[in-house]
């Protein structure tokens, strides 16, 4: 898995597959998660959208999200192509 540290991504579409993000910030990004071959720690999400493959366990995705911070504009969608704008409730996050 390729490690990416302390980067700020803005206005980009990013596939998380095969990457480990550490301390990165995602602002106004579209994040694609199609498998569980990714990881992220201490990341921040602002005004972004996560699009998650509906076959992935939502608990695993929400657990990983709970380890990071995000704002109220960040949303998580499952199977957005078949059911546009189907929002999945994000877990509560604590800013440290």
C-alpha atoms as a PDB file:
ATOM      1  CA  UNK A   1       0.000   0.000   0.000  1.00  0.00           C
ATOM      2  CA  UNK A   2       1.401   3.410  -0.950  1.00  0.00           C
ATOM      3  CA  UNK A   3       1.657   5.900   1.961  1.00  0.00           C
ATOM      4  CA  UNK A   4       0.723   9.558   1.440  1.00  0.00           C
ATOM      5  CA  UNK A   5       1.413  11.911   4.364  1.00  0.00           C
ATOM      6  CA  UNK A   6       0.437  15.482   5.233  1.00  0.00           C
ATOM      7  CA  UNK A   7      -0.987  16.407   1.834  1.00  0.00           C
ATOM      8  CA  UNK A   8      -3.858  18.836   1.225  1.00  0.00           C
ATOM      9  CA  UNK A   9      -6.161  17.795  -1.593  1.00  0.00           C
ATOM     10  CA  UNK A  10      -8.589  20.399  -2.920  1.00  0.00           C
ATOM     11  CA  UNK A  11     -11.307  20.064  -5.585  1.00  0.00           C
ATOM     12  CA  UNK A  12     -10.128  16.604  -6.637  1.00  0.00           C
ATOM     13  CA  UNK A  13     -11.634  13.187  -7.237  1.00  0.00           C
ATOM     14  CA  UNK A  14      -9.558  10.612  -5.381  1.00  0.00           C
ATOM     15  CA  UNK A  15      -9.730   6.832  -5.276  1.00  0.00           C
ATOM     16  CA  UNK A  16      -8.651   5.576  -1.840  1.00  0.00           C
ATOM     17  CA  UNK A  17      -7.998   2.061  -3.156  1.00  0.00           C
ATOM     18  CA  UNK A  18      -4.413   0.956  -2.504  1.00  0.00           C
ATOM     19  CA  UNK A  19      -3.413   4.025  -0.463  1.00  0.00           C
ATOM     20  CA  UNK A  20      -2.737   4.801   3.198  1.00  0.00           C
ATOM     21  CA  UNK A  21      -3.349   8.487   3.950  1.00  0.00           C
ATOM     22  CA  UNK A  22      -1.828   9.926   7.136  1.00  0.00           C
ATOM     23  CA  UNK A  23      -2.545  13.475   8.345  1.00  0.00           C
ATOM     24  CA  UNK A  24      -4.060  14.539   5.027  1.00  0.00           C
ATOM     25  CA  UNK A  25      -6.770  17.133   4.437  1.00  0.00           C
ATOM     26  CA  UNK A  26      -9.476  16.772   1.801  1.00  0.00           C
ATOM     27  CA  UNK A  27     -11.402  19.931   0.886  1.00  0.00           C
ATOM     28  CA  UNK A  28     -14.306  19.828  -1.574  1.00  0.00           C
ATOM     29  CA  UNK A  29     -13.196  16.404  -2.819  1.00  0.00           C
ATOM     30  CA  UNK A  30     -15.039  13.387  -4.184  1.00  0.00           C
ATOM     31  CA  UNK A  31     -13.595  10.265  -2.606  1.00  0.00           C
ATOM     32  CA  UNK A  32     -14.210   6.876  -4.182  1.00  0.00           C
ATOM     33  CA  UNK A  33     -14.000   3.752  -2.004  1.00  0.00           C
ATOM     34  CA  UNK A  34     -14.555   0.566  -4.003  1.00  0.00           C
ATOM     35  CA  UNK A  35     -12.722  -1.966  -1.781  1.00  0.00           C
ATOM     36  CA  UNK A  36     -11.209  -2.213   1.710  1.00  0.00           C
ATOM     37  CA  UNK A  37      -7.601  -2.039   0.488  1.00  0.00           C
ATOM     38  CA  UNK A  38      -7.049   1.456   1.933  1.00  0.00           C
ATOM     39  CA  UNK A  39      -6.451   3.157   5.250  1.00  0.00           C
ATOM     40  CA  UNK A  40      -6.336   6.646   6.682  1.00  0.00           C
ATOM     41  CA  UNK A  41      -5.363   8.117  10.046  1.00  0.00           C
ATOM     42  CA  UNK A  42      -5.651  11.658  11.445  1.00  0.00           C
ATOM     43  CA  UNK A  43      -7.213  12.976   8.235  1.00  0.00           C
ATOM     44  CA  UNK A  44      -9.674  15.871   7.898  1.00  0.00           C
ATOM     45  CA  UNK A  45     -12.565  16.112   5.459  1.00  0.00           C
ATOM     46  CA  UNK A  46     -14.208  19.445   4.588  1.00  0.00           C
ATOM     47  CA  UNK A  47     -17.173  19.842   2.231  1.00  0.00           C
ATOM     48  CA  UNK A  48     -16.365  16.474   0.635  1.00  0.00           C
ATOM     49  CA  UNK A  49     -18.378  13.458  -0.511  1.00  0.00           C
ATOM     50  CA  UNK A  50     -17.404   9.840   0.026  1.00  0.00           C
ATOM     51  CA  UNK A  51     -18.875   7.383  -2.480  1.00  0.00           C
ATOM     52  CA  UNK A  52     -18.715   3.847  -1.088  1.00  0.00           C
ATOM     53  CA  UNK A  53     -19.269   0.558  -2.884  1.00  0.00           C
ATOM     54  CA  UNK A  54     -22.561  -0.762  -1.431  1.00  0.00           C
ATOM     55  CA  UNK A  55     -21.127  -4.269  -0.980  1.00  0.00           C
ATOM     56  CA  UNK A  56     -18.619  -3.047   1.624  1.00  0.00           C
ATOM     57  CA  UNK A  57     -19.525  -3.359   5.317  1.00  0.00           C
ATOM     58  CA  UNK A  58     -20.684   0.075   6.468  1.00  0.00           C
ATOM     59  CA  UNK A  59     -19.389  -0.613   9.981  1.00  0.00           C
ATOM     60  CA  UNK A  60     -15.834  -0.891   8.656  1.00  0.00           C
ATOM     61  CA  UNK A  61     -16.140   2.392   6.746  1.00  0.00           C
ATOM     62  CA  UNK A  62     -17.765   4.264   9.655  1.00  0.00           C
ATOM     63  CA  UNK A  63     -15.123   2.961  12.070  1.00  0.00           C
ATOM     64  CA  UNK A  64     -12.355   4.321   9.857  1.00  0.00           C
ATOM     65  CA  UNK A  65     -14.189   7.646   9.533  1.00  0.00           C
ATOM     66  CA  UNK A  66     -14.553   7.927  13.300  1.00  0.00           C
ATOM     67  CA  UNK A  67     -10.760   8.069  13.556  1.00  0.00           C
ATOM     68  CA  UNK A  68     -10.716  11.346  11.594  1.00  0.00           C
ATOM     69  CA  UNK A  69     -12.497  14.697  11.650  1.00  0.00           C
ATOM     70  CA  UNK A  70     -14.972  16.160   9.188  1.00  0.00           C
ATOM     71  CA  UNK A  71     -17.426  19.032   8.914  1.00  0.00           C
ATOM     72  CA  UNK A  72     -21.211  19.010   8.520  1.00  0.00           C
ATOM     73  CA  UNK A  73     -20.921  19.381   4.747  1.00  0.00           C
ATOM     74  CA  UNK A  74     -19.103  16.059   4.346  1.00  0.00           C
ATOM     75  CA  UNK A  75     -21.429  13.239   3.345  1.00  0.00           C
ATOM     76  CA  UNK A  76     -21.178   9.523   2.675  1.00  0.00           C
ATOM     77  CA  UNK A  77     -23.113   7.880  -0.161  1.00  0.00           C
ATOM     78  CA  UNK A  78     -23.619   4.217  -0.931  1.00  0.00           C
ATOM     79  CA  UNK A  79     -24.437   3.045  -4.440  1.00  0.00           C
ATOM     80  CA  UNK A  80     -24.818   6.626  -5.648  1.00  0.00           C
ATOM     81  CA  UNK A  81     -25.073   5.519  -9.258  1.00  0.00           C
ATOM     82  CA  UNK A  82     -28.232   3.452  -8.743  1.00  0.00           C
ATOM     83  CA  UNK A  83     -29.766   5.549  -5.962  1.00  0.00           C
ATOM     84  CA  UNK A  84     -28.513   9.133  -6.357  1.00  0.00           C
ATOM     85  CA  UNK A  85     -27.896  11.080  -3.175  1.00  0.00           C
ATOM     86  CA  UNK A  86     -28.598   8.232  -0.764  1.00  0.00           C
ATOM     87  CA  UNK A  87     -26.914   9.565   2.353  1.00  0.00           C
ATOM     88  CA  UNK A  88     -25.450   7.305   5.007  1.00  0.00           C
ATOM     89  CA  UNK A  89     -25.310   8.841   8.483  1.00  0.00           C
ATOM     90  CA  UNK A  90     -21.716   9.511   9.562  1.00  0.00           C
ATOM     91  CA  UNK A  91     -20.647   8.688  13.126  1.00  0.00           C
ATOM     92  CA  UNK A  92     -19.996  11.520  15.564  1.00  0.00           C
ATOM     93  CA  UNK A  93     -16.445  12.831  15.409  1.00  0.00           C
ATOM     94  CA  UNK A  94     -14.386  14.645  17.973  1.00  0.00           C
ATOM     95  CA  UNK A  95     -11.867  17.283  16.992  1.00  0.00           C
ATOM     96  CA  UNK A  96      -8.636  16.967  18.930  1.00  0.00           C
END
